[in-house]
């Protein structure tokens, strides 16, 4: 397998994790297939590309809106797997016609949808709220519709922030989950899966690179709250389990599946900060101080991985559970979500925020 781009960010985690199989079930599900990865230049997307490239797909399409990120992952694959058939495409998932054209011309069999805006405080203002809805929700809507239209499998990369969301980012990912689930159930065809997990260590904009920069500058390390916790996993492990979860749905033969990664126990952010200080050869509180700066807009003290009604059952893959969920009225949910998409496209932040809040509130009570 190709070496991961994110290994520079690896660090000993506070809790042990199950070992990852080097020959997980996903290898057989992508071998010989034509695979598209959206957000291919991002932290999760680039690791998806690396692991997929190691399992002999017939053709690998890397799509990203960032030219620089796309260039970097393209160069990595070209050098590390020169025999791999590949193409790199600048693509905005908000553009449904461009996505249709790409999927049709490339004959895509499987789409791993990782493209998203994800920085929680940044997305809270009205302008960025609309941008987040257009990218995270409308982009997912486009991918789901194209997969249904062209008979491709879809794997949505989701987040624990979609559970009882307190942020715009979490709400948009929850809407994305709801749309894929409702569409799969309403049409009763295709093969759709969603994989929900928590924070990954070392992703762009995440806390570990920030803490390392602050340590390099002599401190202080800024922590939002002494009790804040997050689920933590390495990028390589999370992506490996995402791919294994997608293979479970592939083997299931169709329909919809929501898979939850076992993230272990939540990690206190202040404990992570102290560990990083010690790993740098310094003493917390003496050489590097920690300052508490308060929670930022949209943040929660503790994240959750499931809703109470999402009954989990184990799978044959260690570290992956399947959640059983049924929407009672998928047609009504799709109607409301399509109306929300139109409001976002008209760039009406007030209406968009109100409609989003209404759908999230109804869904939080499991009333759809």
Protein backbone atom coordinates (compact mmCIF):
# COMPACT_ATOMS: atom_id res chain seq x y z
CA UNK A 1 0.00 0.00 0.00
CA UNK A 2 1.16 3.54 -0.68
CA UNK A 3 2.45 5.53 2.26
CA UNK A 4 -0.09 7.99 3.67
CA UNK A 5 0.25 11.71 3.10
CA UNK A 6 -0.70 12.35 6.70
CA UNK A 7 1.91 10.22 8.46
CA UNK A 8 3.81 13.37 9.44
CA UNK A 9 0.92 14.15 11.75
CA UNK A 10 0.85 10.73 13.42
CA UNK A 11 1.20 10.62 17.19
CA UNK A 12 0.54 8.07 19.93
CA UNK A 13 -3.15 8.27 20.78
CA UNK A 14 -4.36 8.32 24.36
CA UNK A 15 -6.28 5.07 23.94
CA UNK A 16 -5.45 1.85 22.06
CA UNK A 17 -7.33 1.10 18.84
CA UNK A 18 -8.18 -2.17 17.10
CA UNK A 19 -5.60 -3.21 14.54
CA UNK A 20 -6.46 -2.40 10.93
CA UNK A 21 -6.37 -5.26 8.48
CA UNK A 22 -3.94 -4.66 5.63
CA UNK A 23 -6.30 -6.63 3.40
CA UNK A 24 -9.70 -5.34 4.51
CA UNK A 25 -12.93 -6.25 2.71
CA UNK A 26 -12.95 -3.05 0.66
CA UNK A 27 -10.11 -4.25 -1.58
CA UNK A 28 -12.33 -6.66 -3.46
CA UNK A 29 -15.16 -4.11 -3.75
CA UNK A 30 -13.06 -1.47 -5.58
CA UNK A 31 -10.66 -3.70 -7.50
CA UNK A 32 -11.40 -3.37 -11.20
CA UNK A 33 -13.91 -0.54 -10.65
CA UNK A 34 -13.92 3.03 -11.90
CA UNK A 35 -13.77 5.13 -8.74
CA UNK A 36 -14.40 8.84 -8.15
CA UNK A 37 -13.25 10.63 -4.98
CA UNK A 38 -14.62 14.14 -4.41
CA UNK A 39 -12.59 16.45 -2.20
CA UNK A 40 -9.64 14.29 -3.27
CA UNK A 41 -7.05 16.85 -2.19
CA UNK A 42 -8.32 17.24 1.37
CA UNK A 43 -7.16 15.44 4.49
CA UNK A 44 -9.69 12.61 4.28
CA UNK A 45 -9.96 12.66 0.47
CA UNK A 46 -6.22 12.32 -0.11
CA UNK A 47 -5.99 9.35 2.24
CA UNK A 48 -8.98 7.78 0.49
CA UNK A 49 -7.14 8.19 -2.81
CA UNK A 50 -3.96 6.63 -1.43
CA UNK A 51 -5.68 3.59 0.02
CA UNK A 52 -7.94 3.08 -3.01
CA UNK A 53 -4.94 3.34 -5.36
CA UNK A 54 -3.36 0.47 -3.44
CA UNK A 55 -6.23 -1.88 -4.33
CA UNK A 56 -6.03 -1.82 -8.13
CA UNK A 57 -9.12 0.07 -9.31
CA UNK A 58 -9.58 0.05 -13.08
CA UNK A 59 -9.48 3.85 -13.09
CA UNK A 60 -9.23 6.46 -10.35
CA UNK A 61 -10.73 9.93 -10.78
CA UNK A 62 -9.60 12.58 -8.30
CA UNK A 63 -11.85 15.65 -8.13
CA UNK A 64 -11.35 18.81 -6.09
CA UNK A 65 -12.19 22.50 -6.38
CA UNK A 66 -8.70 23.43 -5.13
CA UNK A 67 -6.18 23.40 -7.96
CA UNK A 68 -3.24 23.27 -5.54
CA UNK A 69 -4.63 20.39 -3.49
CA UNK A 70 -5.49 18.50 -6.66
CA UNK A 71 -2.00 19.05 -8.08
CA UNK A 72 -0.40 17.69 -4.90
CA UNK A 73 -2.44 14.48 -4.75
CA UNK A 74 -2.08 14.00 -8.51
CA UNK A 75 1.70 14.26 -8.18
CA UNK A 76 1.72 11.85 -5.25
CA UNK A 77 -0.23 9.18 -7.15
CA UNK A 78 1.73 9.73 -10.37
CA UNK A 79 5.01 9.15 -8.53
CA UNK A 80 3.86 6.46 -6.10
CA UNK A 81 1.65 4.44 -8.45
CA UNK A 82 2.80 5.28 -11.99
CA UNK A 83 0.92 2.33 -13.51
CA UNK A 84 -2.41 3.36 -12.01
CA UNK A 85 -4.90 4.66 -14.58
CA UNK A 86 -5.98 8.03 -13.23
CA UNK A 87 -7.32 11.47 -14.03
CA UNK A 88 -7.51 14.67 -11.99
CA UNK A 89 -10.44 17.00 -12.48
CA UNK A 90 -11.13 20.47 -11.10
CA UNK A 91 -14.74 20.13 -10.00
CA UNK A 92 -17.22 22.03 -7.85
CA UNK A 93 -19.84 19.60 -6.54
CA UNK A 94 -22.33 22.50 -6.55
CA UNK A 95 -22.29 22.27 -10.36
CA UNK A 96 -24.62 19.37 -11.12
CA UNK A 97 -24.14 19.53 -14.89
CA UNK A 98 -20.36 19.30 -14.53
CA UNK A 99 -20.76 16.36 -12.17
CA UNK A 100 -23.14 14.61 -14.57
CA UNK A 101 -20.74 15.13 -17.45
CA UNK A 102 -17.84 13.74 -15.44
CA UNK A 103 -19.65 10.66 -14.23
CA UNK A 104 -21.01 9.88 -17.69
CA UNK A 105 -17.73 10.39 -19.54
CA UNK A 106 -15.68 8.47 -16.98
CA UNK A 107 -18.21 5.65 -16.48
CA UNK A 108 -17.99 5.89 -12.70
CA UNK A 109 -18.93 2.80 -10.65
CA UNK A 110 -18.35 4.13 -7.11
CA UNK A 111 -18.22 7.65 -5.65
CA UNK A 112 -16.56 8.40 -2.32
CA UNK A 113 -17.95 11.82 -1.43
CA UNK A 114 -15.55 13.64 0.89
CA UNK A 115 -15.86 17.21 -0.46
CA UNK A 116 -17.07 19.54 2.31
CA UNK A 117 -16.56 22.80 4.15
CA UNK A 118 -15.79 21.80 7.73
CA UNK A 119 -14.38 24.59 9.90
CA UNK A 120 -17.06 25.08 12.54
CA UNK A 121 -16.64 28.71 13.76
CA UNK A 122 -15.85 30.01 10.25
CA UNK A 123 -19.21 28.85 8.88
CA UNK A 124 -21.41 30.51 11.48
CA UNK A 125 -21.97 33.92 9.84
CA UNK A 126 -24.79 34.44 7.33
CA UNK A 127 -22.63 34.55 4.21
CA UNK A 128 -20.68 31.43 5.07
CA UNK A 129 -23.84 29.66 6.21
CA UNK A 130 -25.15 29.83 2.65
CA UNK A 131 -21.79 28.65 1.29
CA UNK A 132 -21.84 25.70 3.70
CA UNK A 133 -25.37 24.70 2.70
CA UNK A 134 -24.49 24.96 -0.99
CA UNK A 135 -21.34 22.84 -0.65
CA UNK A 136 -22.14 20.36 2.10
CA UNK A 137 -25.84 19.82 1.44
CA UNK A 138 -26.49 20.80 -2.19
CA UNK A 139 -23.22 19.21 -3.29
CA UNK A 140 -24.24 15.95 -1.62
CA UNK A 141 -27.69 16.21 -3.20
CA UNK A 142 -26.04 16.46 -6.62
CA UNK A 143 -23.77 13.50 -5.98
CA UNK A 144 -26.67 11.37 -4.74
CA UNK A 145 -28.86 12.25 -7.73
CA UNK A 146 -26.05 11.53 -10.18
CA UNK A 147 -25.30 8.19 -8.54
CA UNK A 148 -28.98 7.27 -8.77
CA UNK A 149 -29.18 8.42 -12.39
CA UNK A 150 -26.07 6.57 -13.58
CA UNK A 151 -26.28 3.52 -11.34
CA UNK A 152 -23.14 4.24 -9.32
CA UNK A 153 -22.57 3.36 -5.68
CA UNK A 154 -22.27 6.29 -3.27
CA UNK A 155 -20.33 6.49 0.00
CA UNK A 156 -20.89 9.68 2.02
CA UNK A 157 -18.22 10.66 4.54
CA UNK A 158 -20.10 12.11 7.52
CA UNK A 159 -19.27 13.35 11.02
CA UNK A 160 -20.35 13.11 14.64
CA UNK A 161 -21.18 16.82 14.38
CA UNK A 162 -24.30 15.74 12.44
CA UNK A 163 -25.75 14.29 15.67
CA UNK A 164 -27.82 16.87 17.58
CA UNK A 165 -25.94 19.58 15.67
CA UNK A 166 -25.15 22.90 17.33
CA UNK A 167 -23.22 24.36 14.40
CA UNK A 168 -23.93 25.30 10.79
CA UNK A 169 -21.36 22.72 9.72
CA UNK A 170 -23.06 19.99 11.74
CA UNK A 171 -26.49 20.98 10.44
CA UNK A 172 -25.37 20.84 6.81
CA UNK A 173 -23.85 17.40 7.28
CA UNK A 174 -27.04 16.24 9.00
CA UNK A 175 -29.07 17.52 6.04
CA UNK A 176 -26.73 15.65 3.70
CA UNK A 177 -27.28 12.45 5.68
CA UNK A 178 -31.06 12.94 5.62
CA UNK A 179 -31.15 13.54 1.87
CA UNK A 180 -29.15 10.44 0.97
CA UNK A 181 -31.19 8.28 3.32
CA UNK A 182 -34.54 9.65 2.12
CA UNK A 183 -33.63 9.34 -1.54
CA UNK A 184 -32.39 5.77 -1.20
CA UNK A 185 -35.53 4.77 0.69
CA UNK A 186 -37.92 6.68 -1.57
CA UNK A 187 -36.55 5.19 -4.79
CA UNK A 188 -35.80 1.81 -3.20
CA UNK A 189 -32.92 1.33 -5.59
CA UNK A 190 -29.20 1.90 -5.86
CA UNK A 191 -26.51 1.35 -3.27
CA UNK A 192 -25.87 4.16 -0.78
CA UNK A 193 -23.86 4.17 2.42
CA UNK A 194 -22.86 6.78 4.95
CA UNK A 195 -20.00 6.48 7.40
CA UNK A 196 -20.10 8.66 10.51
CA UNK A 197 -17.06 9.21 12.72
CA UNK A 198 -15.42 11.81 14.94
CA UNK A 199 -12.27 13.91 14.71
CA UNK A 200 -9.20 12.69 12.89
CA UNK A 201 -5.74 13.56 14.13
CA UNK A 202 -3.79 15.89 11.87
CA UNK A 203 -6.49 16.97 9.41
CA UNK A 204 -6.14 20.45 7.95
CA UNK A 205 -7.31 23.09 10.39
CA UNK A 206 -7.58 20.60 13.26
CA UNK A 207 -6.32 21.04 16.78
CA UNK A 208 -3.11 18.97 16.58
CA UNK A 209 -1.33 21.08 13.91
CA UNK A 210 -2.45 24.20 15.81
CA UNK A 211 -1.05 22.92 19.10
CA UNK A 212 2.22 21.96 17.40
CA UNK A 213 2.63 25.45 15.95
CA UNK A 214 1.93 26.97 19.37
CA UNK A 215 4.49 24.67 21.02
CA UNK A 216 7.09 25.57 18.38
CA UNK A 217 6.50 29.25 19.20
CA UNK A 218 7.02 28.59 22.92
CA UNK A 219 3.33 28.63 23.84
CA UNK A 220 0.89 29.20 25.20
CA UNK A 221 -1.41 26.46 23.94
CA UNK A 222 -4.97 27.73 23.66
CA UNK A 223 -7.72 25.33 24.77
CA UNK A 224 -11.36 26.38 24.58
CA UNK A 225 -12.63 24.66 27.75
CA UNK A 226 -11.06 22.39 30.41
CA UNK A 227 -13.85 19.79 30.04
CA UNK A 228 -14.09 19.72 26.23
CA UNK A 229 -13.78 16.24 24.74
CA UNK A 230 -13.62 14.85 21.23
CA UNK A 231 -13.54 11.40 19.66
CA UNK A 232 -10.11 10.93 18.08
CA UNK A 233 -8.72 8.57 15.45
CA UNK A 234 -5.82 8.65 13.01
CA UNK A 235 -6.65 9.59 9.42
CA UNK A 236 -5.25 6.31 8.10
CA UNK A 237 -7.34 4.22 10.47
CA UNK A 238 -10.54 6.22 9.92
CA UNK A 239 -10.23 5.99 6.14
CA UNK A 240 -9.46 2.28 6.28
CA UNK A 241 -12.65 1.71 8.25
CA UNK A 242 -14.65 3.98 5.91
CA UNK A 243 -13.56 1.79 3.02
CA UNK A 244 -14.34 -1.40 4.90
CA UNK A 245 -17.80 -0.04 5.80
CA UNK A 246 -18.47 0.78 2.15
CA UNK A 247 -17.62 -2.81 1.24
CA UNK A 248 -20.19 -4.07 3.75
CA UNK A 249 -22.94 -2.20 1.92
CA UNK A 250 -21.56 -3.40 -1.42
CA UNK A 251 -21.80 -7.00 -0.22
CA UNK A 252 -25.30 -6.33 1.13
CA UNK A 253 -26.43 -5.99 -2.47
CA UNK A 254 -28.11 -2.60 -2.44
CA UNK A 255 -30.24 -0.14 -0.53
CA UNK A 256 -29.01 2.13 2.23
CA UNK A 257 -26.67 1.68 5.17
CA UNK A 258 -25.47 3.98 7.95
CA UNK A 259 -22.22 2.84 9.51
CA UNK A 260 -20.67 4.15 12.73
CA UNK A 261 -16.98 3.84 13.47
CA UNK A 262 -15.91 2.76 16.95
CA UNK A 263 -13.94 5.78 18.11
CA UNK A 264 -13.24 4.47 21.62
CA UNK A 265 -13.70 6.80 24.56
CA UNK A 266 -13.69 10.58 24.00
CA UNK A 267 -10.38 12.31 24.64
CA UNK A 268 -10.09 15.47 26.72
CA UNK A 269 -8.56 18.20 24.56
CA UNK A 270 -6.51 19.46 27.49
CA UNK A 271 -5.07 15.95 27.94
CA UNK A 272 -4.12 15.92 24.26
CA UNK A 273 -2.44 19.30 24.70
CA UNK A 274 -0.46 18.03 27.70
CA UNK A 275 0.58 14.91 25.80
CA UNK A 276 1.85 16.94 22.84
CA UNK A 277 3.86 19.16 25.18
CA UNK A 278 5.49 16.09 26.76
CA UNK A 279 6.18 14.57 23.34
CA UNK A 280 8.06 17.77 22.47
CA UNK A 281 10.35 17.15 25.46
CA UNK A 282 8.88 19.92 27.60
CA UNK A 283 6.89 20.12 30.81
CA UNK A 284 3.25 21.31 30.77
CA UNK A 285 2.65 24.37 32.90
CA UNK A 286 6.35 25.10 33.32
CA UNK A 287 7.84 25.22 29.81
CA UNK A 288 4.57 25.56 27.90
CA UNK A 289 1.47 27.05 29.51
CA UNK A 290 -2.14 26.26 28.64
CA UNK A 291 -4.66 29.08 28.37
CA UNK A 292 -8.45 28.61 28.33
CA UNK A 293 -9.98 30.97 25.79
CA UNK A 294 -13.66 29.99 25.82
CA UNK A 295 -15.81 28.03 23.40
CA UNK A 296 -16.18 29.36 19.88
CA UNK A 297 -19.46 29.82 17.97
CA UNK A 298 -21.11 26.52 17.08
CA UNK A 299 -18.94 24.34 19.33
CA UNK A 300 -20.21 21.75 21.81
CA UNK A 301 -18.45 20.48 24.90
CA UNK A 302 -19.03 16.87 23.89
CA UNK A 303 -19.89 15.27 20.56
CA UNK A 304 -22.13 12.24 20.02
CA UNK A 305 -21.95 9.48 17.43
CA UNK A 306 -25.56 8.30 17.36
CA UNK A 307 -29.16 9.30 18.02
CA UNK A 308 -31.12 7.29 20.64
CA UNK A 309 -33.27 5.61 17.97
CA UNK A 310 -30.31 4.49 15.85
CA UNK A 311 -30.04 0.90 17.02
CA UNK A 312 -26.51 -0.37 16.48
CA UNK A 313 -25.66 -3.88 15.41
CA UNK A 314 -22.13 -5.27 15.03
CA UNK A 315 -20.70 -6.11 11.62
CA UNK A 316 -18.02 -8.55 10.57
CA UNK A 317 -15.56 -5.64 10.49
CA UNK A 318 -14.03 -4.88 13.87
CA UNK A 319 -14.59 -1.22 14.70
CA UNK A 320 -17.64 -0.76 12.45
CA UNK A 321 -21.30 -0.96 13.55
CA UNK A 322 -24.42 -0.55 11.44
CA UNK A 323 -27.28 1.70 12.56
CA UNK A 324 -30.83 0.64 11.71
CA UNK A 325 -32.85 3.69 10.66
CA UNK A 326 -36.15 4.02 8.77
CA UNK A 327 -37.75 7.27 7.58
CA UNK A 328 -41.53 7.11 7.79
CA UNK A 329 -42.24 9.69 5.07
CA UNK A 330 -39.23 10.02 2.75
CA UNK A 331 -41.27 11.87 0.10
CA UNK A 332 -42.17 14.66 2.54
CA UNK A 333 -38.58 14.92 3.74
CA UNK A 334 -37.32 15.16 0.16
CA UNK A 335 -39.88 17.89 -0.55
CA UNK A 336 -38.65 19.99 2.38
CA UNK A 337 -35.00 19.39 1.54
CA UNK A 338 -35.50 20.39 -2.11
CA UNK A 339 -37.18 23.61 -0.94
CA UNK A 340 -34.19 24.30 1.28
CA UNK A 341 -31.86 23.78 -1.68
CA UNK A 342 -33.80 26.41 -3.65
CA UNK A 343 -33.61 28.88 -0.75
CA UNK A 344 -29.85 28.41 -0.49
CA UNK A 345 -29.42 28.87 -4.25
CA UNK A 346 -31.28 32.18 -4.01
CA UNK A 347 -28.71 33.18 -1.37
CA UNK A 348 -31.29 34.14 1.24
CA UNK A 349 -29.43 33.54 4.54
CA UNK A 350 -32.40 34.33 6.79
CA UNK A 351 -34.79 32.00 4.96
CA UNK A 352 -32.10 29.35 4.59
CA UNK A 353 -31.28 29.43 8.31
CA UNK A 354 -34.95 29.24 9.27
CA UNK A 355 -35.74 26.35 6.93
CA UNK A 356 -32.63 24.48 7.98
CA UNK A 357 -33.50 24.87 11.67
CA UNK A 358 -37.06 23.62 11.04
CA UNK A 359 -35.90 20.46 9.26
CA UNK A 360 -33.20 19.74 11.85
CA UNK A 361 -35.74 20.22 14.68
CA UNK A 362 -38.24 17.79 13.14
CA UNK A 363 -35.53 15.28 12.36
CA UNK A 364 -34.10 15.55 15.90
CA UNK A 365 -37.45 14.24 17.19
CA UNK A 366 -37.45 11.45 14.61
CA UNK A 367 -40.73 12.74 13.20
CA UNK A 368 -40.00 12.20 9.49
